[in-house]
Amino acid sequence: ELLGKGGAKTTINDVDNMNGSEFEKFIADLFCKMGYDAKATQVSGDFGVDIIAKKSLETIAIQAKCYSQPVGVHAIMEVVGGAKKYGADKCMVITNNVFTDAAVSLAKTNDVELWNRLKLIEYMERYL
């Protein structure tokens, strides 16, 4: 369900008020709108991967972080660590916030795509 209260489009403020599992479902729904077959993984024992998104031959392992503070290196390490378990070709971390400099650096080293708040808003405006 990508609509906010009263049938309005979901805004970034709505996103900020989501809990972790709501945010994971929201990101999975967004990727479905982008043409992927996307599903949230099981809540516990997910090996650091919250969502698996597949399109043609591409499989993306996604870590979703709905945080009130910047996301650090731990999220990068988690998704990189779990990606092979799901046979993913690509890793992403998506947040409603920003990333620490250390997280950005580690993501570059490990080819992890990062979506910060501005990038998330951009994709929300494009697809929702």
C-alpha atoms as a PDB file:
ATOM      1  CA  GLU A   1       0.000   0.000   0.000  1.00  0.00           C
ATOM      2  CA  LEU A   2       1.840   3.052  -1.269  1.00  0.00           C
ATOM      3  CA  LEU A   3      -0.823   5.582  -0.383  1.00  0.00           C
ATOM      4  CA  GLY A   4      -0.653   7.617   2.786  1.00  0.00           C
ATOM      5  CA  LYS A   5      -3.564   8.812   4.911  1.00  0.00           C
ATOM      6  CA  GLY A   6      -6.741   9.591   2.996  1.00  0.00           C
ATOM      7  CA  GLY A   7      -5.452   8.159  -0.296  1.00  0.00           C
ATOM      8  CA  ALA A   8      -2.668  10.729  -0.684  1.00  0.00           C
ATOM      9  CA  LYS A   9       0.741   9.703  -2.012  1.00  0.00           C
ATOM     10  CA  THR A  10       3.235   8.583   0.595  1.00  0.00           C
ATOM     11  CA  THR A  11       5.535  11.465   1.509  1.00  0.00           C
ATOM     12  CA  ILE A  12       9.033  11.364   2.999  1.00  0.00           C
ATOM     13  CA  ASN A  13       7.424  12.483   6.290  1.00  0.00           C
ATOM     14  CA  ASP A  14       5.229   9.361   6.172  1.00  0.00           C
ATOM     15  CA  VAL A  15       8.374   7.322   5.577  1.00  0.00           C
ATOM     16  CA  ASP A  16      10.101   8.925   8.581  1.00  0.00           C
ATOM     17  CA  ASN A  17       7.248   7.655  10.774  1.00  0.00           C
ATOM     18  CA  MET A  18       7.471   4.040   9.555  1.00  0.00           C
ATOM     19  CA  ASN A  19       8.887   1.268  11.685  1.00  0.00           C
ATOM     20  CA  GLY A  20      11.531  -1.060  10.254  1.00  0.00           C
ATOM     21  CA  SER A  21       9.178  -3.672   8.797  1.00  0.00           C
ATOM     22  CA  GLU A  22       6.863  -1.016   7.306  1.00  0.00           C
ATOM     23  CA  PHE A  23       9.889   0.622   5.649  1.00  0.00           C
ATOM     24  CA  GLU A  24      11.048  -2.738   4.256  1.00  0.00           C
ATOM     25  CA  LYS A  25       7.587  -3.364   2.767  1.00  0.00           C
ATOM     26  CA  PHE A  26       7.512   0.183   1.375  1.00  0.00           C
ATOM     27  CA  ILE A  27      10.899  -0.293  -0.347  1.00  0.00           C
ATOM     28  CA  ALA A  28       9.816  -3.693  -1.717  1.00  0.00           C
ATOM     29  CA  ASP A  29       6.632  -2.049  -3.096  1.00  0.00           C
ATOM     30  CA  LEU A  30       8.699   0.772  -4.635  1.00  0.00           C
ATOM     31  CA  PHE A  31      10.920  -1.776  -6.416  1.00  0.00           C
ATOM     32  CA  CYS A  32       7.792  -3.595  -7.673  1.00  0.00           C
ATOM     33  CA  LYS A  33       6.642  -0.271  -9.185  1.00  0.00           C
ATOM     34  CA  MET A  34      10.089  -0.060 -10.822  1.00  0.00           C
ATOM     35  CA  GLY A  35       9.449  -3.387 -12.556  1.00  0.00           C
ATOM     36  CA  TYR A  36      11.198  -5.744 -10.146  1.00  0.00           C
ATOM     37  CA  ASP A  37       9.834  -8.818  -8.435  1.00  0.00           C
ATOM     38  CA  ALA A  38      10.690  -7.657  -4.914  1.00  0.00           C
ATOM     39  CA  LYS A  39       9.958  -9.290  -1.586  1.00  0.00           C
ATOM     40  CA  ALA A  40      10.963  -8.639   2.005  1.00  0.00           C
ATOM     41  CA  THR A  41      12.966 -11.520   3.504  1.00  0.00           C
ATOM     42  CA  GLN A  42      11.988 -13.181   6.762  1.00  0.00           C
ATOM     43  CA  VAL A  43      12.212 -10.879   9.758  1.00  0.00           C
ATOM     44  CA  SER A  44      14.804 -12.825  11.745  1.00  0.00           C
ATOM     45  CA  GLY A  45      17.748 -14.726  10.301  1.00  0.00           C
ATOM     46  CA  ASP A  46      17.728 -12.657   7.114  1.00  0.00           C
ATOM     47  CA  PHE A  47      21.568 -12.645   6.937  1.00  0.00           C
ATOM     48  CA  GLY A  48      21.618  -8.844   6.737  1.00  0.00           C
ATOM     49  CA  VAL A  49      19.397  -8.680   3.651  1.00  0.00           C
ATOM     50  CA  ASP A  50      15.931  -7.154   4.074  1.00  0.00           C
ATOM     51  CA  ILE A  51      14.653  -7.277   0.494  1.00  0.00           C
ATOM     52  CA  ILE A  52      15.461  -9.328  -2.598  1.00  0.00           C
ATOM     53  CA  ALA A  53      14.597  -7.611  -5.885  1.00  0.00           C
ATOM     54  CA  LYS A  54      14.812  -9.520  -9.179  1.00  0.00           C
ATOM     55  CA  LYS A  55      14.471  -8.340 -12.763  1.00  0.00           C
ATOM     56  CA  SER A  56      15.512 -10.502 -15.729  1.00  0.00           C
ATOM     57  CA  LEU A  57      19.004 -11.779 -14.827  1.00  0.00           C
ATOM     58  CA  GLU A  58      19.693  -9.267 -12.043  1.00  0.00           C
ATOM     59  CA  THR A  59      19.209 -10.019  -8.343  1.00  0.00           C
ATOM     60  CA  ILE A  60      19.684  -7.193  -5.844  1.00  0.00           C
ATOM     61  CA  ALA A  61      20.187  -7.682  -2.111  1.00  0.00           C
ATOM     62  CA  ILE A  62      18.836  -4.640  -0.260  1.00  0.00           C
ATOM     63  CA  GLN A  63      19.343  -3.525   3.317  1.00  0.00           C
ATOM     64  CA  ALA A  64      16.648  -0.996   4.329  1.00  0.00           C
ATOM     65  CA  LYS A  65      17.394   1.383   7.217  1.00  0.00           C
ATOM     66  CA  CYS A  66      14.650   3.704   8.452  1.00  0.00           C
ATOM     67  CA  TYR A  67      16.803   5.658  10.905  1.00  0.00           C
ATOM     68  CA  SER A  68      16.703   8.950  12.737  1.00  0.00           C
ATOM     69  CA  GLN A  69      20.510   9.161  12.580  1.00  0.00           C
ATOM     70  CA  PRO A  70      23.128   8.612   9.841  1.00  0.00           C
ATOM     71  CA  VAL A  71      23.668   5.017   8.732  1.00  0.00           C
ATOM     72  CA  GLY A  72      27.119   3.612   9.453  1.00  0.00           C
ATOM     73  CA  VAL A  73      29.400   0.853   8.167  1.00  0.00           C
ATOM     74  CA  HIS A  74      27.475  -1.935   9.878  1.00  0.00           C
ATOM     75  CA  ALA A  75      24.672  -1.799   7.279  1.00  0.00           C
ATOM     76  CA  ILE A  76      27.236  -2.098   4.470  1.00  0.00           C
ATOM     77  CA  MET A  77      28.941  -5.078   6.117  1.00  0.00           C
ATOM     78  CA  GLU A  78      25.584  -6.793   6.713  1.00  0.00           C
ATOM     79  CA  VAL A  79      24.335  -6.568   3.122  1.00  0.00           C
ATOM     80  CA  VAL A  80      27.720  -7.574   1.661  1.00  0.00           C
ATOM     81  CA  GLY A  81      27.833 -10.503   4.074  1.00  0.00           C
ATOM     82  CA  GLY A  82      24.343 -11.727   3.191  1.00  0.00           C
ATOM     83  CA  ALA A  83      24.269 -11.094  -0.561  1.00  0.00           C
ATOM     84  CA  LYS A  84      25.909 -14.385  -1.613  1.00  0.00           C
ATOM     85  CA  LYS A  85      23.422 -16.342   0.509  1.00  0.00           C
ATOM     86  CA  TYR A  86      20.672 -15.046  -1.802  1.00  0.00           C
ATOM     87  CA  GLY A  87      22.699 -15.312  -5.018  1.00  0.00           C
ATOM     88  CA  ALA A  88      22.648 -11.537  -5.487  1.00  0.00           C
ATOM     89  CA  ASP A  89      24.707  -9.816  -8.194  1.00  0.00           C
ATOM     90  CA  LYS A  90      24.317  -6.389  -6.636  1.00  0.00           C
ATOM     91  CA  CYS A  91      23.998  -4.896  -3.136  1.00  0.00           C
ATOM     92  CA  MET A  92      22.200  -1.748  -2.017  1.00  0.00           C
ATOM     93  CA  VAL A  93      21.535   0.060   1.226  1.00  0.00           C
ATOM     94  CA  ILE A  94      18.555   2.417   1.251  1.00  0.00           C
ATOM     95  CA  THR A  95      17.819   4.889   4.032  1.00  0.00           C
ATOM     96  CA  ASN A  96      15.530   7.805   4.796  1.00  0.00           C
ATOM     97  CA  ASN A  97      18.594   9.514   6.303  1.00  0.00           C
ATOM     98  CA  VAL A  98      22.232   9.939   5.194  1.00  0.00           C
ATOM     99  CA  PHE A  99      25.351   7.775   5.362  1.00  0.00           C
ATOM    100  CA  THR A 100      28.476   8.372   7.429  1.00  0.00           C
ATOM    101  CA  ASP A 101      31.684   9.079   5.496  1.00  0.00           C
ATOM    102  CA  ALA A 102      33.020   5.686   6.622  1.00  0.00           C
ATOM    103  CA  ALA A 103      29.908   3.941   5.251  1.00  0.00           C
ATOM    104  CA  VAL A 104      30.261   5.747   1.910  1.00  0.00           C
ATOM    105  CA  SER A 105      33.922   4.728   1.726  1.00  0.00           C
ATOM    106  CA  LEU A 106      33.223   1.053   2.564  1.00  0.00           C
ATOM    107  CA  ALA A 107      30.330   0.987   0.085  1.00  0.00           C
ATOM    108  CA  LYS A 108      32.622   2.239  -2.697  1.00  0.00           C
ATOM    109  CA  THR A 109      35.193  -0.440  -1.867  1.00  0.00           C
ATOM    110  CA  ASN A 110      32.534  -3.172  -1.996  1.00  0.00           C
ATOM    111  CA  ASP A 111      30.461  -1.874  -4.953  1.00  0.00           C
ATOM    112  CA  VAL A 112      27.408  -1.267  -2.768  1.00  0.00           C
ATOM    113  CA  GLU A 113      24.928   1.244  -4.190  1.00  0.00           C
ATOM    114  CA  LEU A 114      23.669   3.730  -1.602  1.00  0.00           C
ATOM    115  CA  TRP A 115      20.352   5.562  -1.666  1.00  0.00           C
ATOM    116  CA  ASN A 116      20.271   8.401   0.844  1.00  0.00           C
ATOM    117  CA  ARG A 117      17.225  10.540   1.665  1.00  0.00           C
ATOM    118  CA  LEU A 118      17.493  12.689  -1.486  1.00  0.00           C
ATOM    119  CA  LYS A 119      17.844   9.687  -3.796  1.00  0.00           C
ATOM    120  CA  LEU A 120      14.910   7.946  -2.080  1.00  0.00           C
ATOM    121  CA  ILE A 121      12.740  11.062  -2.552  1.00  0.00           C
ATOM    122  CA  GLU A 122      13.798  11.215  -6.220  1.00  0.00           C
ATOM    123  CA  TYR A 123      12.683   7.599  -6.815  1.00  0.00           C
ATOM    124  CA  MET A 124       9.464   8.110  -4.819  1.00  0.00           C
ATOM    125  CA  GLU A 125       8.578  11.110  -7.006  1.00  0.00           C
ATOM    126  CA  ARG A 126       9.395   9.185 -10.169  1.00  0.00           C
ATOM    127  CA  TYR A 127       7.572   5.916  -9.430  1.00  0.00           C
ATOM    128  CA  LEU A 128       4.824   6.564  -6.869  1.00  0.00           C
END
